[in-house]
Protein backbone atom coordinates (compact mmCIF):
# COMPACT_ATOMS: atom_id res chain seq x y z
CA MET A 1 45.23 -22.26 9.27
CA PRO A 2 41.72 -21.08 8.32
CA PRO A 3 40.13 -18.60 10.74
CA SER A 4 37.40 -21.02 11.91
CA THR A 5 40.01 -23.69 12.68
CA LEU A 6 42.16 -21.13 14.49
CA ARG A 7 39.17 -20.01 16.57
CA SER A 8 38.09 -23.50 17.60
CA GLY A 9 41.70 -24.57 18.13
CA PHE A 10 42.37 -21.57 20.36
CA LEU A 11 39.41 -22.24 22.63
CA THR A 12 40.31 -25.94 22.81
CA GLU A 13 43.90 -25.11 23.74
CA LEU A 14 42.70 -22.55 26.29
CA SER A 15 40.49 -25.18 27.90
CA VAL A 16 43.26 -27.80 27.91
CA ALA A 17 45.76 -25.30 29.36
CA GLY A 18 43.33 -24.41 32.15
CA ARG A 19 42.77 -28.07 33.04
CA LYS A 20 46.48 -28.85 32.94
CA MET A 21 47.33 -25.85 35.16
CA ARG A 22 44.68 -26.91 37.70
CA THR A 23 45.98 -30.50 37.68
CA LEU A 24 49.59 -29.36 38.07
CA PHE A 25 48.75 -26.95 40.90
CA ASP A 26 46.57 -29.55 42.64
CA GLY A 27 49.43 -32.07 42.55
CA VAL A 28 51.88 -29.57 44.02
CA VAL A 29 49.59 -28.42 46.84
CA ARG A 30 48.63 -32.01 47.74
CA GLU A 31 52.24 -32.43 48.83
CA ARG A 32 51.42 -29.76 51.44
CA GLY A 33 48.27 -31.46 52.72
CA LEU A 34 45.84 -29.33 50.70
CA ASN A 35 43.87 -29.66 47.51
CA LEU A 36 43.15 -27.14 44.77
CA ALA A 37 40.00 -25.75 46.41
CA ARG A 38 41.58 -25.37 49.86
CA ALA A 39 44.71 -23.80 48.38
CA ARG A 40 42.64 -21.26 46.41
CA LEU A 41 40.80 -20.42 49.60
CA MET A 42 44.06 -20.01 51.55
CA LEU A 43 45.46 -17.72 48.84
CA GLN A 44 42.34 -15.54 48.99
CA LEU A 45 42.51 -15.36 52.77
CA GLY A 46 46.18 -14.41 52.54
CA LYS A 47 45.15 -11.37 50.48
CA HIS A 48 41.83 -10.43 52.08
CA GLU A 49 41.65 -11.56 55.69
CA PRO A 50 39.67 -11.09 57.79
CA VAL A 51 36.73 -11.78 55.53
CA ASN A 52 33.11 -12.73 56.00
CA GLN A 53 32.40 -16.35 55.08
CA THR A 54 29.70 -15.30 52.58
CA GLU A 55 32.04 -12.80 50.90
CA LEU A 56 34.70 -15.49 50.65
CA ALA A 57 32.23 -17.83 48.92
CA ALA A 58 31.42 -15.06 46.42
CA MET A 59 35.12 -14.34 45.76
CA LEU A 60 35.73 -17.99 44.98
CA GLU A 61 32.40 -18.47 43.17
CA LEU A 62 31.41 -21.31 45.50
CA GLU A 63 28.08 -22.29 47.01
CA HIS A 64 27.62 -21.79 50.75
CA PRO A 65 27.66 -25.54 51.66
CA THR A 66 30.89 -25.97 49.70
CA ILE A 67 32.67 -23.10 51.45
CA VAL A 68 31.50 -24.44 54.83
CA ARG A 69 33.01 -27.88 54.08
CA LEU A 70 36.29 -26.32 52.92
CA LEU A 71 36.48 -24.11 56.00
CA ASP A 72 35.67 -27.07 58.27
CA GLY A 73 38.67 -28.91 56.84
CA LEU A 74 41.00 -25.93 57.20
CA GLU A 75 39.80 -25.36 60.75
CA LYS A 76 40.58 -29.00 61.62
CA GLN A 77 44.08 -28.42 60.25
CA ASP A 78 44.39 -25.35 62.54
CA LEU A 79 44.89 -23.08 59.53
CA ILE A 80 41.86 -20.80 60.06
CA LEU A 81 39.60 -19.46 62.78
CA ARG A 82 35.93 -18.61 62.38
CA SER A 83 34.33 -16.12 64.72
CA ALA A 84 30.97 -14.43 65.05
CA VAL A 85 30.49 -11.03 63.46
CA ASP A 86 29.34 -8.30 65.82
CA GLY A 87 25.74 -7.39 65.09
CA ASP A 88 25.03 -10.48 62.95
CA ARG A 89 25.05 -13.75 64.85
CA ARG A 90 24.56 -15.79 61.65
CA ALA A 91 27.62 -14.33 59.90
CA LYS A 92 31.10 -15.78 60.43
CA GLN A 93 34.37 -13.96 59.95
CA VAL A 94 37.34 -16.02 58.79
CA THR A 95 40.95 -15.32 59.71
CA LEU A 96 44.16 -17.24 59.27
CA THR A 97 45.97 -18.68 62.28
CA ALA A 98 49.76 -18.26 62.55
CA PRO A 99 50.31 -21.65 60.84
CA GLY A 100 47.70 -20.61 58.26
CA ARG A 101 49.53 -17.37 57.51
CA ALA A 102 52.78 -19.29 57.08
CA GLN A 103 51.11 -21.74 54.73
CA ALA A 104 49.42 -18.93 52.75
CA ALA A 105 52.83 -17.26 52.34
CA GLN A 106 54.33 -20.56 51.15
CA LEU A 107 51.47 -20.96 48.68
CA ASP A 108 52.03 -17.44 47.41
CA ASP A 109 55.71 -18.29 46.82
CA LEU A 110 54.68 -21.52 45.12
CA VAL A 111 52.32 -19.65 42.79
CA ALA A 112 55.11 -17.19 41.91
CA ALA A 113 57.50 -20.05 41.12
CA LEU A 114 54.86 -21.85 39.07
CA ARG A 115 54.10 -18.64 37.17
CA ASP A 116 57.81 -18.19 36.39
CA THR A 117 58.06 -21.78 35.16
CA LEU A 118 54.96 -21.64 32.96
CA LEU A 119 55.77 -18.24 31.45
CA HIS A 120 59.57 -18.56 31.21
CA ASP A 121 59.85 -18.28 27.41
CA ILE A 122 56.94 -15.93 26.77
CA THR A 123 57.70 -12.27 26.08
CA GLU A 124 56.00 -9.31 27.71
CA GLU A 125 54.52 -8.38 24.31
CA GLU A 126 53.02 -11.86 23.89
CA LEU A 127 51.60 -11.68 27.41
CA ALA A 128 50.07 -8.28 26.69
CA VAL A 129 48.29 -9.61 23.59
CA ALA A 130 47.15 -12.76 25.37
CA SER A 131 45.86 -10.72 28.32
CA ARG A 132 43.86 -8.47 26.01
CA VAL A 133 42.37 -11.48 24.21
CA LEU A 134 41.50 -13.25 27.48
CA GLY A 135 39.98 -10.05 28.84
CA ARG A 136 37.75 -9.81 25.77
CA ILE A 137 36.71 -13.44 26.08
CA ILE A 138 35.83 -12.88 29.75
CA ARG A 139 33.77 -9.80 28.89
CA ASN A 140 31.99 -11.72 26.10
CA ILE A 141 31.18 -14.53 28.52
CA GLU A 142 29.91 -12.13 31.17
CA ALA A 143 27.70 -10.37 28.61
CA GLN A 144 25.80 -13.58 27.85
CA PRO A 145 22.50 -14.14 29.66
CA ALA A 146 22.29 -17.56 31.31
CA GLY A 147 21.29 -20.22 28.79
CA SER A 148 21.38 -17.86 25.81
CA LEU A 149 24.03 -19.75 23.86
CA ALA A 150 22.18 -23.07 23.98
CA GLY A 151 19.13 -21.41 22.40
CA ASP A 152 21.25 -19.66 19.76
CA ALA A 153 22.89 -22.93 18.72
CA ALA A 154 19.51 -24.67 18.41
CA ASP A 155 18.15 -21.78 16.33
CA GLU A 156 21.15 -21.94 13.99
CA ARG A 157 20.61 -25.67 13.37
CA ARG A 158 16.98 -25.14 12.23
C-alpha cells in the first residue's frame, strides 16, 4: 500500500474505530439508565471526587451549560450531590452519592471488561507502537493553532 494511502487509511480507520467504540459504550451504558456523556462524567467523578463543577467541565472538555444539564440529570437520579464551595458562593462542588459510587464502580468494571474484549488479540508490543503513534498524533493536533489547517489547505490548492 503506498504511503499516502496508508496515511489516509489509518486516519479513516482511527476515526471509524473511535465512533464505533463510542456507539458500543453508549449502548452498554444505556442498559444502566445512562448515556455516553453521563457515563463519562460518572467515571471522572469516580476518580476525582469531590471536584468543582467548572473543573469537571474542563476535564471532560464540555461547555458550562452542557455540564449543568448533565449534572441536573444525575442529581435527579440521586447519583450526585452538588454543594456550595466555601468562600465562593457561585462555585459548586460535585460528589457522588452512595448509589453514585456503586454505579461508578460498576462502570469502571464495565470499562475494564470492554477494554479486555476490544484488545484481546493485540500484543503488548503492538499496543506500545499504537500508543506512541497516537501520542504523536495528539501532540501534532495540540500544536496546531485554531483554524490553521483550513488556511493551509486553501493555500495548497492555489
